[in-house]
Amino acid sequence: MPTFAFMGMEKRTQAERLRGLVEPAVGRLGFEVVDIEFLSGSRTLRIYIDGPEGVDVDDCARVSRQVSALFDVEDPIPGQYTLEISSPGLDRPLARRDDFVRFAGSQVKIKTSAPVEGRRNFSGRLLGMDGGNVVLESEEARYDLALENIERARLVPDL
């Protein structure tokens, strides 16, 4: 499931363009865009939103109507696709620098695009940001992972 947020330059540019298009409309409704994913196999565009009180099905439907109307005018994705609006869930994706700062102290799982010290999958406590690096402390070591090398990052729910 590739996420736009930290994939190759073309997808990153497309994600930034979509985010720039969607964020003002979603923001006017009182929500934030958490992440945007495009699942190329199923041609599904999934937009994760959150709000101060969380989100429910009615909120997702309202945002879906707004984004659909916007996309009808702007036509940012060629061809047919399915638009899904979703809450980020308990395993919220972390996609922006601010997310890694905001959720410092939380348990996370991170997958990198390129190996770091021979591996691509990491889990541990998020310490935050240090310059352009996401700082993660696991049982084995502390890792400074370049933000641009992060393919996917999610919170680990504390159940």
Protein backbone atom coordinates (compact mmCIF):
# COMPACT_ATOMS: atom_id res chain seq x y z
CA MET A 1 0.00 0.00 0.00
CA PRO A 2 2.10 2.91 -1.18
CA THR A 3 1.44 6.22 0.51
CA PHE A 4 2.08 9.41 -1.38
CA ALA A 5 3.72 11.06 1.59
CA PHE A 6 7.20 9.52 1.38
CA MET A 7 7.45 7.73 -1.95
CA GLY A 8 9.43 8.79 -5.04
CA MET A 9 9.60 12.38 -6.24
CA GLU A 10 6.71 12.07 -8.73
CA LYS A 11 4.32 10.68 -6.10
CA ARG A 12 5.60 13.17 -3.53
CA THR A 13 4.90 16.04 -5.92
CA GLN A 14 1.43 14.66 -6.67
CA ALA A 15 0.72 14.27 -2.95
CA GLU A 16 1.84 17.82 -2.23
CA ARG A 17 -0.36 19.09 -5.05
CA LEU A 18 -3.36 17.12 -3.78
CA ARG A 19 -2.71 18.18 -0.19
CA GLY A 20 -2.49 21.82 -1.28
CA LEU A 21 -5.80 21.45 -3.09
CA VAL A 22 -7.64 19.52 -0.37
CA GLU A 23 -6.37 21.09 2.89
CA PRO A 24 -8.12 24.48 2.55
CA ALA A 25 -11.49 22.87 1.78
CA VAL A 26 -11.16 20.32 4.59
CA GLY A 27 -9.91 23.02 6.97
CA ARG A 28 -12.98 25.19 6.29
CA LEU A 29 -15.08 22.28 7.54
CA GLY A 30 -13.05 22.18 10.78
CA PHE A 31 -10.85 19.17 10.07
CA GLU A 32 -7.19 18.52 9.27
CA VAL A 33 -5.80 16.29 6.53
CA VAL A 34 -3.70 13.65 8.30
CA ASP A 35 -2.49 11.74 5.25
CA ILE A 36 -3.28 10.98 1.63
CA GLU A 37 -2.79 7.53 0.09
CA PHE A 38 -3.25 6.41 -3.49
CA LEU A 39 -3.59 2.66 -3.82
CA SER A 40 -2.65 2.22 -7.46
CA GLY A 41 -3.85 -1.40 -7.77
CA SER A 42 -7.42 -0.51 -6.83
CA ARG A 43 -7.14 3.14 -7.98
CA THR A 44 -8.36 4.31 -4.59
CA LEU A 45 -7.56 7.76 -3.23
CA ARG A 46 -7.85 7.63 0.55
CA ILE A 47 -7.79 10.85 2.56
CA TYR A 48 -7.44 10.54 6.33
CA ILE A 49 -8.97 13.40 8.33
CA ASP A 50 -9.11 14.26 12.01
CA GLY A 51 -10.78 16.91 14.12
CA PRO A 52 -10.66 18.25 17.66
CA GLU A 53 -13.45 15.85 18.69
CA GLY A 54 -12.36 13.08 16.33
CA VAL A 55 -14.47 12.20 13.28
CA ASP A 56 -17.58 10.14 12.69
CA VAL A 57 -19.32 8.78 9.61
CA ASP A 58 -21.30 11.99 9.08
CA ASP A 59 -18.09 14.04 9.17
CA CYS A 60 -16.50 11.75 6.56
CA ALA A 61 -19.59 12.05 4.34
CA ARG A 62 -19.53 15.86 4.61
CA VAL A 63 -15.85 16.02 3.71
CA SER A 64 -16.38 13.52 0.89
CA ARG A 65 -19.07 15.72 -0.68
CA GLN A 66 -16.84 18.78 -0.41
CA VAL A 67 -13.75 17.07 -1.85
CA SER A 68 -15.78 15.41 -4.63
CA ALA A 69 -17.19 18.78 -5.69
CA LEU A 70 -13.71 20.28 -5.65
CA PHE A 71 -12.28 17.39 -7.70
CA ASP A 72 -15.13 17.69 -10.22
CA VAL A 73 -13.89 21.21 -10.94
CA GLU A 74 -10.12 20.70 -10.62
CA ASP A 75 -9.90 17.12 -11.99
CA PRO A 76 -6.53 16.41 -10.30
CA ILE A 77 -6.42 12.66 -11.03
CA PRO A 78 -6.83 11.39 -14.59
CA GLY A 79 -9.20 8.47 -15.16
CA GLN A 80 -11.53 6.76 -12.76
CA TYR A 81 -10.73 6.23 -9.11
CA THR A 82 -12.54 5.70 -5.84
CA LEU A 83 -12.44 8.47 -3.24
CA GLU A 84 -12.47 7.36 0.40
CA ILE A 85 -12.52 9.67 3.40
CA SER A 86 -11.52 7.99 6.66
CA SER A 87 -10.55 8.72 10.22
CA PRO A 88 -6.88 8.00 10.93
CA GLY A 89 -7.82 5.29 13.45
CA LEU A 90 -5.85 4.30 16.51
CA ASP A 91 -2.84 3.45 14.35
CA ARG A 92 -2.79 6.96 12.93
CA PRO A 93 -0.33 7.50 10.08
CA LEU A 94 2.43 10.02 10.66
CA ALA A 95 3.11 11.86 7.43
CA ARG A 96 4.47 15.33 8.16
CA ARG A 97 7.29 16.76 10.22
CA ASP A 98 4.74 18.25 12.64
CA ASP A 99 3.26 14.77 13.25
CA PHE A 100 6.63 13.45 14.42
CA VAL A 101 6.95 16.38 16.82
CA ARG A 102 3.35 16.23 18.06
CA PHE A 103 3.44 12.51 18.84
CA ALA A 104 6.87 12.42 20.50
CA GLY A 105 6.78 9.90 23.33
CA SER A 106 4.41 7.57 21.48
CA GLN A 107 5.16 4.06 20.29
CA VAL A 108 5.51 3.89 16.50
CA LYS A 109 6.30 1.58 13.60
CA ILE A 110 8.35 3.00 10.75
CA LYS A 111 9.27 1.57 7.36
CA THR A 112 12.06 3.23 5.39
CA SER A 113 12.44 3.38 1.61
CA ALA A 114 16.12 2.45 1.76
CA PRO A 115 17.77 0.27 4.40
CA VAL A 116 19.31 1.87 7.47
CA GLU A 117 21.93 -0.27 9.16
CA GLY A 118 20.75 -3.21 7.04
CA ARG A 119 17.04 -2.98 7.83
CA ARG A 120 13.91 -1.14 6.72
CA ASN A 121 11.45 -1.82 9.56
CA PHE A 122 11.75 -0.12 12.93
CA SER A 123 9.59 0.10 16.03
CA GLY A 124 10.04 1.89 19.31
CA ARG A 125 9.39 5.15 21.12
CA LEU A 126 9.33 8.27 18.98
CA LEU A 127 11.61 10.90 20.50
CA GLY A 128 10.71 13.60 17.95
CA MET A 129 12.75 15.42 15.33
CA ASP A 130 16.40 16.42 15.26
CA GLY A 131 17.01 18.59 12.22
CA GLY A 132 15.77 16.57 9.24
CA ASN A 133 15.81 13.27 11.13
CA VAL A 134 13.07 11.39 12.93
CA VAL A 135 14.55 10.10 16.19
CA LEU A 136 13.41 6.69 17.37
CA GLU A 137 14.50 4.74 20.43
CA SER A 138 14.06 0.97 20.28
CA GLU A 139 15.15 -1.76 22.68
CA GLU A 140 18.32 -2.25 20.61
CA ALA A 141 19.42 1.30 19.85
CA ARG A 142 18.57 4.88 19.03
CA TYR A 143 18.02 5.62 15.33
CA ASP A 144 18.12 8.91 13.45
CA LEU A 145 16.05 8.25 10.33
CA ALA A 146 16.07 10.82 7.54
CA LEU A 147 12.54 12.14 7.09
CA GLU A 148 12.79 11.81 3.30
CA ASN A 149 13.71 8.12 3.71
CA ILE A 150 10.51 7.27 5.58
CA GLU A 151 8.08 5.35 3.42
CA ARG A 152 5.44 4.77 6.07
CA ALA A 153 5.04 5.56 9.76
CA ARG A 154 2.16 4.77 12.12
CA LEU A 155 1.33 5.05 15.80
CA VAL A 156 1.11 1.78 17.71
CA PRO A 157 -2.15 1.83 19.69
CA ASP A 158 -1.78 1.64 23.46
CA LEU A 159 -4.54 -0.86 24.25
